[in-house]
N, C-alpha and C. Protein backbone atom coordinates (compact mmCIF):
# COMPACT_ATOMS: atom_id res chain seq x y z
N UNK A 1 -17.12 6.12 -12.53
CA UNK A 1 -17.80 4.44 -12.46
C UNK A 1 -17.45 4.02 -10.99
N UNK A 2 -16.12 4.48 -10.73
CA UNK A 2 -15.98 4.43 -9.34
C UNK A 2 -15.13 5.58 -8.43
N UNK A 3 -16.36 6.63 -8.90
CA UNK A 3 -15.97 7.81 -7.96
C UNK A 3 -16.22 7.65 -6.63
N UNK A 4 -16.78 6.63 -6.05
CA UNK A 4 -17.13 6.57 -4.61
C UNK A 4 -15.81 6.05 -3.67
N UNK A 5 -14.51 5.62 -4.65
CA UNK A 5 -13.41 5.40 -3.89
C UNK A 5 -12.51 6.61 -3.94
N UNK A 6 -12.74 7.44 -4.09
CA UNK A 6 -11.85 8.63 -3.87
C UNK A 6 -11.91 9.15 -2.89
N UNK A 7 -10.90 9.53 -2.49
CA UNK A 7 -10.65 9.71 -0.82
C UNK A 7 -10.43 8.59 0.18
N UNK A 8 -10.66 8.21 -0.19
CA UNK A 8 -11.05 6.13 0.60
C UNK A 8 -9.58 6.23 0.83
N UNK A 9 -9.16 4.60 2.03
CA UNK A 9 -8.25 4.66 1.99
C UNK A 9 -8.24 2.92 2.19
N UNK A 10 -6.78 1.89 1.80
CA UNK A 10 -7.24 0.72 1.29
C UNK A 10 -6.03 0.37 1.64
N UNK A 11 -5.49 -1.15 2.40
CA UNK A 11 -4.41 -1.85 2.51
C UNK A 11 -4.40 -2.72 1.44
N UNK A 12 -3.32 -2.80 1.07
CA UNK A 12 -3.57 -3.83 -0.12
C UNK A 12 -2.30 -4.98 0.29
N UNK A 13 -2.88 -6.21 0.93
CA UNK A 13 -1.54 -6.94 1.33
C UNK A 13 -0.86 -7.54 -0.11
N UNK A 14 0.69 -8.15 0.04
CA UNK A 14 1.02 -8.57 -0.80
C UNK A 14 1.41 -7.52 -1.95
N UNK A 15 1.23 -6.05 -1.92
CA UNK A 15 1.11 -5.09 -2.91
C UNK A 15 2.64 -4.68 -3.37
N UNK A 16 3.70 -5.25 -2.86
CA UNK A 16 5.10 -5.34 -3.14
C UNK A 16 5.40 -5.37 -4.45
N UNK A 17 4.48 -6.23 -5.08
CA UNK A 17 4.66 -6.86 -6.68
C UNK A 17 3.47 -7.51 -7.06
N UNK A 18 3.54 -8.05 -8.22
CA UNK A 18 2.64 -8.65 -8.94
C UNK A 18 1.25 -8.07 -9.11
N UNK A 19 0.39 -9.43 -8.76
CA UNK A 19 -0.91 -8.70 -8.76
C UNK A 19 -1.34 -7.47 -7.60
N UNK A 20 -0.76 -7.76 -6.38
CA UNK A 20 -0.95 -6.88 -5.61
C UNK A 20 -0.62 -5.56 -5.58
N UNK A 21 0.56 -5.31 -6.69
CA UNK A 21 1.14 -4.24 -6.91
C UNK A 21 0.35 -3.57 -8.21
N UNK A 22 -0.12 -4.08 -8.98
CA UNK A 22 -1.05 -4.10 -9.78
C UNK A 22 -2.47 -3.38 -9.46
N UNK A 23 -2.97 -4.04 -8.57
CA UNK A 23 -4.04 -3.71 -7.43
C UNK A 23 -3.99 -2.12 -6.97
N UNK A 24 -2.75 -2.10 -6.20
CA UNK A 24 -2.12 -1.05 -5.83
C UNK A 24 -2.21 0.17 -6.36
N UNK A 25 -1.80 -0.21 -7.62
CA UNK A 25 -1.75 0.66 -8.39
C UNK A 25 -2.77 1.27 -9.20
N UNK A 26 -3.92 0.63 -9.41
CA UNK A 26 -5.23 0.79 -10.15
C UNK A 26 -5.71 1.50 -9.09
N UNK A 27 -6.20 1.23 -7.80
CA UNK A 27 -6.57 1.88 -6.57
C UNK A 27 -6.12 3.33 -6.17
N UNK A 28 -4.69 3.47 -6.61
CA UNK A 28 -4.28 5.03 -6.38
C UNK A 28 -4.51 5.84 -7.51
N UNK A 29 -4.58 5.07 -8.65
CA UNK A 29 -4.82 5.86 -9.44
C UNK A 29 -6.47 6.18 -9.78
N UNK A 30 -7.64 5.42 -8.74
CA UNK A 30 -8.82 5.88 -8.81
C UNK A 30 -9.28 7.14 -7.47
N UNK A 31 -7.70 7.36 -6.95
CA UNK A 31 -7.99 8.77 -6.17
C UNK A 31 -7.73 8.06 -4.75
N UNK A 32 -7.49 6.96 -4.51
CA UNK A 32 -7.29 6.16 -3.20
C UNK A 32 -6.41 6.01 -2.04
N UNK A 33 -5.93 6.69 -1.16
CA UNK A 33 -4.48 6.83 -0.49
C UNK A 33 -4.19 4.83 -0.18
N UNK A 34 -3.34 4.52 -0.75
CA UNK A 34 -2.96 3.02 -0.55
C UNK A 34 -2.13 2.94 0.59
N UNK A 35 -1.74 1.97 1.51
CA UNK A 35 -1.15 1.09 2.04
C UNK A 35 -0.84 0.05 1.81
N UNK A 36 0.77 -0.33 1.33
CA UNK A 36 1.19 -1.19 0.87
C UNK A 36 1.67 -2.38 1.54
N UNK A 37 1.18 -3.20 2.00
CA UNK A 37 1.44 -4.13 2.97
C UNK A 37 2.57 -5.14 2.16
N UNK A 38 3.26 -5.65 3.01
CA UNK A 38 4.13 -6.66 2.25
C UNK A 38 5.45 -7.57 3.05
N UNK A 39 5.55 -8.60 3.28
CA UNK A 39 6.78 -9.35 3.67
C UNK A 39 7.91 -8.88 3.02
N UNK A 40 8.26 -8.70 2.27
CA UNK A 40 9.34 -8.12 1.39
C UNK A 40 9.45 -6.27 1.71
N UNK A 41 9.98 -5.96 2.79
CA UNK A 41 10.07 -4.42 2.96
C UNK A 41 10.75 -3.51 2.04
N UNK A 42 11.48 -4.08 1.52
CA UNK A 42 12.14 -3.56 0.29
C UNK A 42 11.53 -3.27 -0.94
N UNK A 43 10.69 -4.07 -1.24
CA UNK A 43 9.09 -3.99 -2.17
C UNK A 43 8.16 -3.20 -1.95
N UNK A 44 7.87 -3.31 -0.61
CA UNK A 44 6.66 -2.40 -0.42
C UNK A 44 7.41 -1.03 -0.29
N UNK A 45 8.85 -0.69 0.45
CA UNK A 45 8.91 0.96 0.13
C UNK A 45 9.08 1.10 -1.71
N UNK A 46 9.79 0.40 -2.24
CA UNK A 46 9.82 0.56 -3.68
C UNK A 46 8.49 0.96 -4.52
N UNK A 47 8.07 -0.26 -3.95
CA UNK A 47 6.59 0.54 -4.64
C UNK A 47 5.62 1.45 -4.32
N UNK A 48 6.03 1.75 -2.66
CA UNK A 48 5.33 3.09 -2.70
C UNK A 48 5.59 4.22 -3.62
N UNK A 49 7.52 4.04 -3.05
CA UNK A 49 8.42 5.10 -3.70
C UNK A 49 7.83 5.48 -5.02
N UNK A 50 7.58 4.59 -5.94
CA UNK A 50 7.15 4.80 -7.14
C UNK A 50 5.94 5.40 -7.35
N UNK A 51 5.00 4.82 -7.07
CA UNK A 51 3.66 5.50 -6.74
C UNK A 51 3.79 7.13 -6.34
N UNK A 52 4.41 7.05 -5.40
CA UNK A 52 4.34 8.57 -4.61
C UNK A 52 5.43 9.27 -5.46
N UNK A 53 5.86 9.04 -6.48
CA UNK A 53 6.94 9.63 -7.63
C UNK A 53 5.79 10.23 -8.44
N UNK A 54 4.80 9.29 -8.47
CA UNK A 54 3.88 9.59 -9.63
C UNK A 54 2.86 10.22 -9.23
N UNK A 55 2.75 11.04 -7.67
CA UNK A 55 1.76 11.80 -7.41
C UNK A 55 0.58 11.54 -6.53
N UNK A 56 0.60 10.02 -5.96
CA UNK A 56 -0.10 9.59 -5.20
C UNK A 56 0.14 9.31 -4.11
N UNK A 57 -0.94 9.45 -3.13
CA UNK A 57 -0.98 8.97 -1.83
C UNK A 57 -0.52 7.46 -1.59
N UNK A 58 0.65 7.17 -0.58
CA UNK A 58 0.71 5.98 -0.56
C UNK A 58 2.10 5.70 0.88
N UNK A 59 1.81 4.37 1.39
CA UNK A 59 2.21 3.97 2.55
C UNK A 59 3.06 2.58 2.75
N UNK A 60 4.12 2.35 2.97
CA UNK A 60 4.84 1.07 2.91
C UNK A 60 4.42 0.67 4.31
N UNK A 61 4.10 -0.51 4.45
CA UNK A 61 3.95 -1.44 5.72
C UNK A 61 4.55 -3.11 5.36
N UNK A 62 6.09 -3.03 6.08
CA UNK A 62 6.16 -4.43 6.65
C UNK A 62 5.26 -5.20 7.34
N UNK A 63 5.06 -6.43 6.70
CA UNK A 63 4.09 -7.43 7.97
C UNK A 63 3.80 -8.60 7.09
N UNK A 64 3.52 -9.44 8.02
CA UNK A 64 3.51 -11.00 7.26
C UNK A 64 2.30 -11.59 7.90
N UNK A 65 1.11 -11.16 7.10
CA UNK A 65 -0.32 -11.59 7.13
C UNK A 65 -0.52 -12.95 8.00
N UNK A 66 0.29 -14.10 7.83
CA UNK A 66 0.44 -15.15 8.52
C UNK A 66 0.78 -15.58 9.57
N UNK A 67 0.89 -14.14 10.39
CA UNK A 67 1.26 -13.90 11.64
C UNK A 67 0.23 -12.74 12.55
N UNK A 68 -0.77 -13.30 12.73
CA UNK A 68 -1.80 -12.52 13.65
C UNK A 68 -1.15 -11.81 14.44
N UNK A 69 -0.22 -11.87 14.92
CA UNK A 69 0.50 -11.11 15.91
C UNK A 69 0.91 -9.87 15.46
N UNK A 70 1.24 -9.69 14.38
CA UNK A 70 1.85 -9.06 13.57
C UNK A 70 0.80 -7.78 13.04
N UNK A 71 -0.21 -8.11 12.81
CA UNK A 71 -1.22 -7.47 12.46
C UNK A 71 -1.84 -6.64 13.51
N UNK A 72 -1.60 -6.72 14.69
CA UNK A 72 -2.05 -5.85 15.99
C UNK A 72 -1.27 -5.18 16.06
N UNK A 73 -0.19 -4.91 15.81
CA UNK A 73 1.15 -3.94 16.35
C UNK A 73 0.95 -2.76 15.55
N UNK A 74 1.55 -1.64 15.85
CA UNK A 74 1.75 -0.26 14.96
C UNK A 74 3.26 -0.51 14.55
N UNK A 75 3.46 -1.04 13.50
CA UNK A 75 4.75 -0.57 12.80
C UNK A 75 5.46 0.71 12.48
N UNK A 76 4.87 1.57 13.01
CA UNK A 76 5.17 3.37 12.78
C UNK A 76 5.86 3.12 11.07
N UNK A 77 5.39 3.01 10.65
CA UNK A 77 5.61 3.30 8.90
C UNK A 77 6.15 4.83 8.68
N UNK A 78 6.69 4.79 7.53
CA UNK A 78 7.31 6.28 7.48
C UNK A 78 5.90 6.56 6.18
N UNK A 79 4.98 7.67 6.96
CA UNK A 79 3.96 8.21 5.66
C UNK A 79 4.78 9.03 4.30
N UNK A 80 4.19 8.21 3.02
CA UNK A 80 5.10 8.77 1.80
C UNK A 80 4.04 9.30 1.11
N UNK A 81 2.84 10.46 1.96
CA UNK A 81 2.10 11.20 1.12
C UNK A 81 0.85 11.89 1.86
């Protein structure tokens, strides 16, 4: 049903916890490489580490989407997969 998502890339804002994490997890399960963007760097890193430990491609990004200037910079995140 969602085979067209396999191999795609998605960034999930608020992906460190709650609904955002649930969305990131489901996307990863569907074969999407996921960027987990969250204002809480520790939460983003933990979520990415947990998904990576399950074999999914993931990247943690610390950002605040309410501040436009932060969305146009390269945060040089560590690639987790």
